[in-house]
Amino acid sequence: MASMRVLVTGFGPFPGVPVNPTDAAVQALRRRAPEDLPGLDLITAILPVDLALIPGLVGDFIAQHEPELVVCTGVASGSRVIRVERVAVNLVDARVPDANGFQPIDIPVVAGAPDGLLATLPVKAIHAAITALGLPAEVSLSAGTYGCNAAMFAALHGAAPGVRAGFLHIPDADVLDADAVASALAATVRACLEHDEDLAVHGGAIA
């Protein structure tokens, strides 16, 4: 029987982030996969921070590899925790230019798609799995309006029925190193395998 295919993505550099920590974290996960995620077919990709290309690249990876689980990652500079994202919006509004100097204002990630999509990963179970490792994490209600949100929205929009997808924002490398993030990513995948339904625990926020 074919093993379960899991797609995990990170990002390359962009203005203000000359070395994207998701690159090293995804590579660390790949090295550790035979031990941490035995029996799974792990596919990894590092996306360019190109706001014009991200949606199509994510869609192409999903179409090419037909994963059953998609976990995208990006850096949240200044954060002290891993943020398990719950919501992606169909909006790109770039506070800084992307790696190619493109800085769009208020354009859709995918024209004609819904205004927003919810993660189909068990976000609360993932949060519990990461914090059980002693790593800081929170469930987040905004993935922003830059490349990370674009990747999350594209993954959710492009995933076939039954394919679960979502996004984790990770802190800078001086907060959590690549091995720690790789452990969190492995715990994320395992939580998805263990939980068909999310945990019934409070995780909302009061504005």
C-alpha atoms as a PDB file:
ATOM      1  CA  MET A   1       0.000   0.000   0.000  1.00  0.00           C
ATOM      2  CA  ALA A   2       1.315   3.465  -0.880  1.00  0.00           C
ATOM      3  CA  SER A   3       2.435   5.570   2.070  1.00  0.00           C
ATOM      4  CA  MET A   4       0.627   8.759   2.968  1.00  0.00           C
ATOM      5  CA  ARG A   5       1.996  11.774   1.098  1.00  0.00           C
ATOM      6  CA  VAL A   6       2.645  14.912   3.126  1.00  0.00           C
ATOM      7  CA  LEU A   7       3.688  18.231   1.556  1.00  0.00           C
ATOM      8  CA  VAL A   8       5.549  20.703   3.773  1.00  0.00           C
ATOM      9  CA  THR A   9       6.644  24.060   2.374  1.00  0.00           C
ATOM     10  CA  GLY A  10       8.833  26.906   3.539  1.00  0.00           C
ATOM     11  CA  PHE A  11       9.956  30.200   2.043  1.00  0.00           C
ATOM     12  CA  GLY A  12      13.135  31.786   0.755  1.00  0.00           C
ATOM     13  CA  PRO A  13      14.435  35.271   1.588  1.00  0.00           C
ATOM     14  CA  PHE A  14      12.607  38.566   1.167  1.00  0.00           C
ATOM     15  CA  PRO A  15      13.323  42.199   2.175  1.00  0.00           C
ATOM     16  CA  GLY A  16      14.220  42.319   5.848  1.00  0.00           C
ATOM     17  CA  VAL A  17      14.686  38.525   6.039  1.00  0.00           C
ATOM     18  CA  PRO A  18      17.895  37.652   4.161  1.00  0.00           C
ATOM     19  CA  VAL A  19      17.877  34.124   5.601  1.00  0.00           C
ATOM     20  CA  ASN A  20      14.421  32.643   6.036  1.00  0.00           C
ATOM     21  CA  PRO A  21      14.388  30.234   9.009  1.00  0.00           C
ATOM     22  CA  THR A  22      11.650  28.132   7.427  1.00  0.00           C
ATOM     23  CA  ASP A  23      14.168  26.952   4.827  1.00  0.00           C
ATOM     24  CA  ALA A  24      16.467  25.422   7.454  1.00  0.00           C
ATOM     25  CA  ALA A  25      13.514  24.052   9.441  1.00  0.00           C
ATOM     26  CA  VAL A  26      12.006  22.282   6.439  1.00  0.00           C
ATOM     27  CA  GLN A  27      15.398  20.835   5.504  1.00  0.00           C
ATOM     28  CA  ALA A  28      15.865  19.640   9.094  1.00  0.00           C
ATOM     29  CA  LEU A  29      12.457  17.967   8.978  1.00  0.00           C
ATOM     30  CA  ARG A  30      13.414  16.189   5.764  1.00  0.00           C
ATOM     31  CA  ARG A  31      16.639  14.862   7.336  1.00  0.00           C
ATOM     32  CA  ARG A  32      14.783  13.650  10.405  1.00  0.00           C
ATOM     33  CA  ALA A  33      11.714  12.272   8.616  1.00  0.00           C
ATOM     34  CA  PRO A  34      12.793   8.603   8.535  1.00  0.00           C
ATOM     35  CA  GLU A  35      12.953   8.628  12.349  1.00  0.00           C
ATOM     36  CA  ASP A  36      10.323  11.231  13.253  1.00  0.00           C
ATOM     37  CA  LEU A  37       7.746  10.395  10.575  1.00  0.00           C
ATOM     38  CA  PRO A  38       8.327   6.753   9.648  1.00  0.00           C
ATOM     39  CA  GLY A  39       6.212   5.315   6.879  1.00  0.00           C
ATOM     40  CA  LEU A  40       5.241   8.684   5.409  1.00  0.00           C
ATOM     41  CA  ASP A  41       6.162  10.032   1.993  1.00  0.00           C
ATOM     42  CA  LEU A  42       7.413  13.511   2.866  1.00  0.00           C
ATOM     43  CA  ILE A  43       7.595  16.049   0.044  1.00  0.00           C
ATOM     44  CA  THR A  44       9.207  19.403   0.760  1.00  0.00           C
ATOM     45  CA  ALA A  45       9.460  22.632  -1.204  1.00  0.00           C
ATOM     46  CA  ILE A  46      10.927  26.085  -0.596  1.00  0.00           C
ATOM     47  CA  LEU A  47       8.828  28.761  -2.253  1.00  0.00           C
ATOM     48  CA  PRO A  48      10.172  32.079  -3.500  1.00  0.00           C
ATOM     49  CA  VAL A  49       8.619  35.100  -1.831  1.00  0.00           C
ATOM     50  CA  ASP A  50       7.104  36.171  -5.131  1.00  0.00           C
ATOM     51  CA  LEU A  51       3.548  37.345  -4.609  1.00  0.00           C
ATOM     52  CA  ALA A  52       2.698  36.863  -8.263  1.00  0.00           C
ATOM     53  CA  LEU A  53       3.898  33.253  -8.301  1.00  0.00           C
ATOM     54  CA  ILE A  54       3.043  31.847  -4.865  1.00  0.00           C
ATOM     55  CA  PRO A  55      -0.589  30.841  -5.579  1.00  0.00           C
ATOM     56  CA  GLY A  56       0.265  29.081  -8.818  1.00  0.00           C
ATOM     57  CA  LEU A  57       3.319  27.327  -7.382  1.00  0.00           C
ATOM     58  CA  VAL A  58       1.380  26.003  -4.402  1.00  0.00           C
ATOM     59  CA  GLY A  59      -1.394  24.812  -6.685  1.00  0.00           C
ATOM     60  CA  ASP A  60       1.125  23.165  -9.006  1.00  0.00           C
ATOM     61  CA  PHE A  61       2.850  21.306  -6.152  1.00  0.00           C
ATOM     62  CA  ILE A  62      -0.491  19.992  -4.935  1.00  0.00           C
ATOM     63  CA  ALA A  63      -1.550  18.935  -8.423  1.00  0.00           C
ATOM     64  CA  GLN A  64       1.801  17.287  -9.136  1.00  0.00           C
ATOM     65  CA  HIS A  65       2.267  15.372  -5.894  1.00  0.00           C
ATOM     66  CA  GLU A  66      -1.365  14.847  -4.817  1.00  0.00           C
ATOM     67  CA  PRO A  67      -0.578  15.028  -1.096  1.00  0.00           C
ATOM     68  CA  GLU A  68      -3.123  14.004   1.496  1.00  0.00           C
ATOM     69  CA  LEU A  69      -1.852  16.615   3.952  1.00  0.00           C
ATOM     70  CA  VAL A  70      -0.381  20.072   3.277  1.00  0.00           C
ATOM     71  CA  VAL A  71       1.481  22.071   5.930  1.00  0.00           C
ATOM     72  CA  CYS A  72       2.870  25.411   4.764  1.00  0.00           C
ATOM     73  CA  THR A  73       5.234  27.449   6.920  1.00  0.00           C
ATOM     74  CA  GLY A  74       6.514  31.004   7.000  1.00  0.00           C
ATOM     75  CA  VAL A  75       8.371  33.292   9.358  1.00  0.00           C
ATOM     76  CA  ALA A  76       6.691  35.763  11.706  1.00  0.00           C
ATOM     77  CA  SER A  77       9.556  38.073  12.614  1.00  0.00           C
ATOM     78  CA  GLY A  78       9.176  39.425  16.122  1.00  0.00           C
ATOM     79  CA  SER A  79       6.948  36.583  17.265  1.00  0.00           C
ATOM     80  CA  ARG A  80       7.988  34.583  20.314  1.00  0.00           C
ATOM     81  CA  VAL A  81       5.731  31.611  19.582  1.00  0.00           C
ATOM     82  CA  ILE A  82       4.740  29.228  16.806  1.00  0.00           C
ATOM     83  CA  ARG A  83       1.409  30.467  15.474  1.00  0.00           C
ATOM     84  CA  VAL A  84      -0.984  27.824  14.209  1.00  0.00           C
ATOM     85  CA  GLU A  85      -3.077  29.764  11.719  1.00  0.00           C
ATOM     86  CA  ARG A  86      -6.812  29.278  11.531  1.00  0.00           C
ATOM     87  CA  VAL A  87      -7.930  31.730   8.817  1.00  0.00           C
ATOM     88  CA  ALA A  88      -6.677  32.703   5.346  1.00  0.00           C
ATOM     89  CA  VAL A  89      -8.143  35.670   3.491  1.00  0.00           C
ATOM     90  CA  ASN A  90      -8.302  36.190  -0.259  1.00  0.00           C
ATOM     91  CA  LEU A  91      -6.292  39.384  -0.095  1.00  0.00           C
ATOM     92  CA  VAL A  92      -2.746  40.508  -0.803  1.00  0.00           C
ATOM     93  CA  ASP A  93      -1.817  43.885   0.672  1.00  0.00           C
ATOM     94  CA  ALA A  94       1.968  43.991   0.933  1.00  0.00           C
ATOM     95  CA  ARG A  95       3.498  46.116   3.677  1.00  0.00           C
ATOM     96  CA  VAL A  96       6.929  45.528   2.110  1.00  0.00           C
ATOM     97  CA  PRO A  97       7.880  44.520  -1.434  1.00  0.00           C
ATOM     98  CA  ASP A  98       8.413  40.857  -2.201  1.00  0.00           C
ATOM     99  CA  ALA A  99      11.772  39.429  -3.282  1.00  0.00           C
ATOM    100  CA  ASN A 100      11.234  40.853  -6.787  1.00  0.00           C
ATOM    101  CA  GLY A 101      10.175  44.322  -5.659  1.00  0.00           C
ATOM    102  CA  PHE A 102       6.457  43.704  -6.266  1.00  0.00           C
ATOM    103  CA  GLN A 103       4.269  45.452  -3.684  1.00  0.00           C
ATOM    104  CA  PRO A 104       0.583  44.983  -4.541  1.00  0.00           C
ATOM    105  CA  ILE A 105      -2.248  46.743  -2.750  1.00  0.00           C
ATOM    106  CA  ASP A 106      -5.584  45.035  -2.163  1.00  0.00           C
ATOM    107  CA  ILE A 107      -5.566  42.349  -4.836  1.00  0.00           C
ATOM    108  CA  PRO A 108      -7.006  38.828  -4.471  1.00  0.00           C
ATOM    109  CA  VAL A 109      -4.805  35.812  -3.933  1.00  0.00           C
ATOM    110  CA  VAL A 110      -7.074  33.881  -6.297  1.00  0.00           C
ATOM    111  CA  ALA A 111      -9.494  35.885  -8.447  1.00  0.00           C
ATOM    112  CA  GLY A 112     -13.093  34.775  -8.020  1.00  0.00           C
ATOM    113  CA  ALA A 113     -12.375  32.616  -4.969  1.00  0.00           C
ATOM    114  CA  PRO A 114     -14.152  33.054  -1.602  1.00  0.00           C
ATOM    115  CA  ASP A 115     -13.195  35.963   0.626  1.00  0.00           C
ATOM    116  CA  GLY A 116     -11.787  33.650   3.260  1.00  0.00           C
ATOM    117  CA  LEU A 117     -11.092  29.998   4.036  1.00  0.00           C
ATOM    118  CA  LEU A 118     -10.595  28.178   7.321  1.00  0.00           C
ATOM    119  CA  ALA A 119      -7.696  25.811   7.925  1.00  0.00           C
ATOM    120  CA  THR A 120      -8.720  22.193   7.585  1.00  0.00           C
ATOM    121  CA  LEU A 121      -5.970  21.012   9.920  1.00  0.00           C
ATOM    122  CA  PRO A 122      -6.913  20.246  13.552  1.00  0.00           C
ATOM    123  CA  VAL A 123      -5.405  23.511  14.782  1.00  0.00           C
ATOM    124  CA  LYS A 124      -6.148  23.008  18.481  1.00  0.00           C
ATOM    125  CA  ALA A 125      -4.773  19.494  18.460  1.00  0.00           C
ATOM    126  CA  ILE A 126      -1.651  20.815  16.733  1.00  0.00           C
ATOM    127  CA  HIS A 127      -1.301  23.532  19.360  1.00  0.00           C
ATOM    128  CA  ALA A 128      -1.569  20.908  22.095  1.00  0.00           C
ATOM    129  CA  ALA A 129       0.996  18.669  20.399  1.00  0.00           C
ATOM    130  CA  ILE A 130       3.523  21.484  20.019  1.00  0.00           C
ATOM    131  CA  THR A 131       3.151  22.769  23.580  1.00  0.00           C
ATOM    132  CA  ALA A 132       3.483  19.188  24.864  1.00  0.00           C
ATOM    133  CA  LEU A 133       7.051  19.350  23.534  1.00  0.00           C
ATOM    134  CA  GLY A 134       7.689  22.374  25.743  1.00  0.00           C
ATOM    135  CA  LEU A 135       7.666  24.730  22.758  1.00  0.00           C
ATOM    136  CA  PRO A 136       5.676  27.989  22.757  1.00  0.00           C
ATOM    137  CA  ALA A 137       2.625  28.075  20.491  1.00  0.00           C
ATOM    138  CA  GLU A 138      -0.738  29.739  20.033  1.00  0.00           C
ATOM    139  CA  VAL A 139      -3.745  29.438  17.749  1.00  0.00           C
ATOM    140  CA  SER A 140      -3.799  32.558  15.564  1.00  0.00           C
ATOM    141  CA  LEU A 141      -6.738  34.154  13.786  1.00  0.00           C
ATOM    142  CA  SER A 142      -4.762  36.132  11.194  1.00  0.00           C
ATOM    143  CA  ALA A 143      -2.101  34.946   8.761  1.00  0.00           C
ATOM    144  CA  GLY A 144      -1.621  38.515   7.540  1.00  0.00           C
ATOM    145  CA  THR A 145      -1.914  39.695   3.936  1.00  0.00           C
ATOM    146  CA  TYR A 146       1.557  38.879   2.597  1.00  0.00           C
ATOM    147  CA  GLY A 147       3.145  35.724   1.178  1.00  0.00           C
ATOM    148  CA  CYS A 148       2.316  33.469   4.108  1.00  0.00           C
ATOM    149  CA  ASN A 149      -1.388  34.149   3.873  1.00  0.00           C
ATOM    150  CA  ALA A 150      -1.186  33.756   0.089  1.00  0.00           C
ATOM    151  CA  ALA A 151       0.378  30.307   0.443  1.00  0.00           C
ATOM    152  CA  MET A 152      -2.189  29.240   3.021  1.00  0.00           C
ATOM    153  CA  PHE A 153      -5.119  30.469   0.944  1.00  0.00           C
ATOM    154  CA  ALA A 154      -3.752  28.855  -2.220  1.00  0.00           C
ATOM    155  CA  ALA A 155      -3.238  25.535  -0.426  1.00  0.00           C
ATOM    156  CA  LEU A 156      -6.776  25.534   0.938  1.00  0.00           C
ATOM    157  CA  HIS A 157      -8.232  26.618  -2.389  1.00  0.00           C
ATOM    158  CA  GLY A 158      -6.212  24.109  -4.387  1.00  0.00           C
ATOM    159  CA  ALA A 159      -6.615  21.103  -2.121  1.00  0.00           C
ATOM    160  CA  ALA A 160      -8.918  18.370  -3.343  1.00  0.00           C
ATOM    161  CA  PRO A 161     -11.854  17.313  -1.151  1.00  0.00           C
ATOM    162  CA  GLY A 162     -10.567  15.336   1.797  1.00  0.00           C
ATOM    163  CA  VAL A 163      -7.082  16.866   1.660  1.00  0.00           C
ATOM    164  CA  ARG A 164      -6.336  18.832   4.796  1.00  0.00           C
ATOM    165  CA  ALA A 165      -4.221  21.965   4.630  1.00  0.00           C
ATOM    166  CA  GLY A 166      -3.039  24.789   6.838  1.00  0.00           C
ATOM    167  CA  PHE A 167      -0.193  27.022   7.895  1.00  0.00           C
ATOM    168  CA  LEU A 168       2.282  27.547  10.736  1.00  0.00           C
ATOM    169  CA  HIS A 169       4.091  30.809  11.360  1.00  0.00           C
ATOM    170  CA  ILE A 170       7.434  30.270  13.094  1.00  0.00           C
ATOM    171  CA  PRO A 171       9.605  32.759  15.000  1.00  0.00           C
ATOM    172  CA  ASP A 172      13.061  33.930  14.042  1.00  0.00           C
ATOM    173  CA  ALA A 173      15.922  31.477  14.493  1.00  0.00           C
ATOM    174  CA  ASP A 174      17.157  33.229  17.641  1.00  0.00           C
ATOM    175  CA  VAL A 175      13.863  32.266  19.313  1.00  0.00           C
ATOM    176  CA  LEU A 176      13.596  28.679  18.059  1.00  0.00           C
ATOM    177  CA  ASP A 177      16.310  26.932  16.073  1.00  0.00           C
ATOM    178  CA  ALA A 178      15.730  24.718  13.049  1.00  0.00           C
ATOM    179  CA  ASP A 179      15.729  21.481  15.029  1.00  0.00           C
ATOM    180  CA  ALA A 180      13.122  22.788  17.468  1.00  0.00           C
ATOM    181  CA  VAL A 181      10.887  23.889  14.604  1.00  0.00           C
ATOM    182  CA  ALA A 182      11.410  20.546  12.857  1.00  0.00           C
ATOM    183  CA  SER A 183      10.211  18.846  16.045  1.00  0.00           C
ATOM    184  CA  ALA A 184       7.138  21.081  16.019  1.00  0.00           C
ATOM    185  CA  LEU A 185       6.463  20.260  12.369  1.00  0.00           C
ATOM    186  CA  ALA A 186       6.770  16.536  13.013  1.00  0.00           C
ATOM    187  CA  ALA A 187       4.376  16.902  15.952  1.00  0.00           C
ATOM    188  CA  THR A 188       2.010  18.807  13.651  1.00  0.00           C
ATOM    189  CA  VAL A 189       1.943  15.988  11.127  1.00  0.00           C
ATOM    190  CA  ARG A 190       1.449  13.361  13.823  1.00  0.00           C
ATOM    191  CA  ALA A 191      -1.416  15.370  15.345  1.00  0.00           C
ATOM    192  CA  CYS A 192      -3.114  15.473  11.956  1.00  0.00           C
ATOM    193  CA  LEU A 193      -2.789  11.693  11.640  1.00  0.00           C
ATOM    194  CA  GLU A 194      -4.161  11.145  15.129  1.00  0.00           C
ATOM    195  CA  HIS A 195      -7.106  13.564  14.997  1.00  0.00           C
ATOM    196  CA  ASP A 196      -9.794  13.281  12.354  1.00  0.00           C
ATOM    197  CA  GLU A 197     -11.709  15.859  14.401  1.00  0.00           C
ATOM    198  CA  ASP A 198     -10.165  18.765  16.267  1.00  0.00           C
ATOM    199  CA  LEU A 199     -10.077  18.990  20.047  1.00  0.00           C
ATOM    200  CA  ALA A 200     -13.233  20.441  21.595  1.00  0.00           C
ATOM    201  CA  VAL A 201     -11.461  23.092  23.668  1.00  0.00           C
ATOM    202  CA  HIS A 202     -11.793  26.861  23.780  1.00  0.00           C
ATOM    203  CA  GLY A 203      -9.486  28.703  21.409  1.00  0.00           C
ATOM    204  CA  GLY A 204     -11.266  31.894  20.415  1.00  0.00           C
ATOM    205  CA  ALA A 205     -10.381  35.457  21.210  1.00  0.00           C
ATOM    206  CA  ILE A 206     -12.176  38.605  22.307  1.00  0.00           C
ATOM    207  CA  ALA A 207     -11.373  41.556  20.069  1.00  0.00           C
END
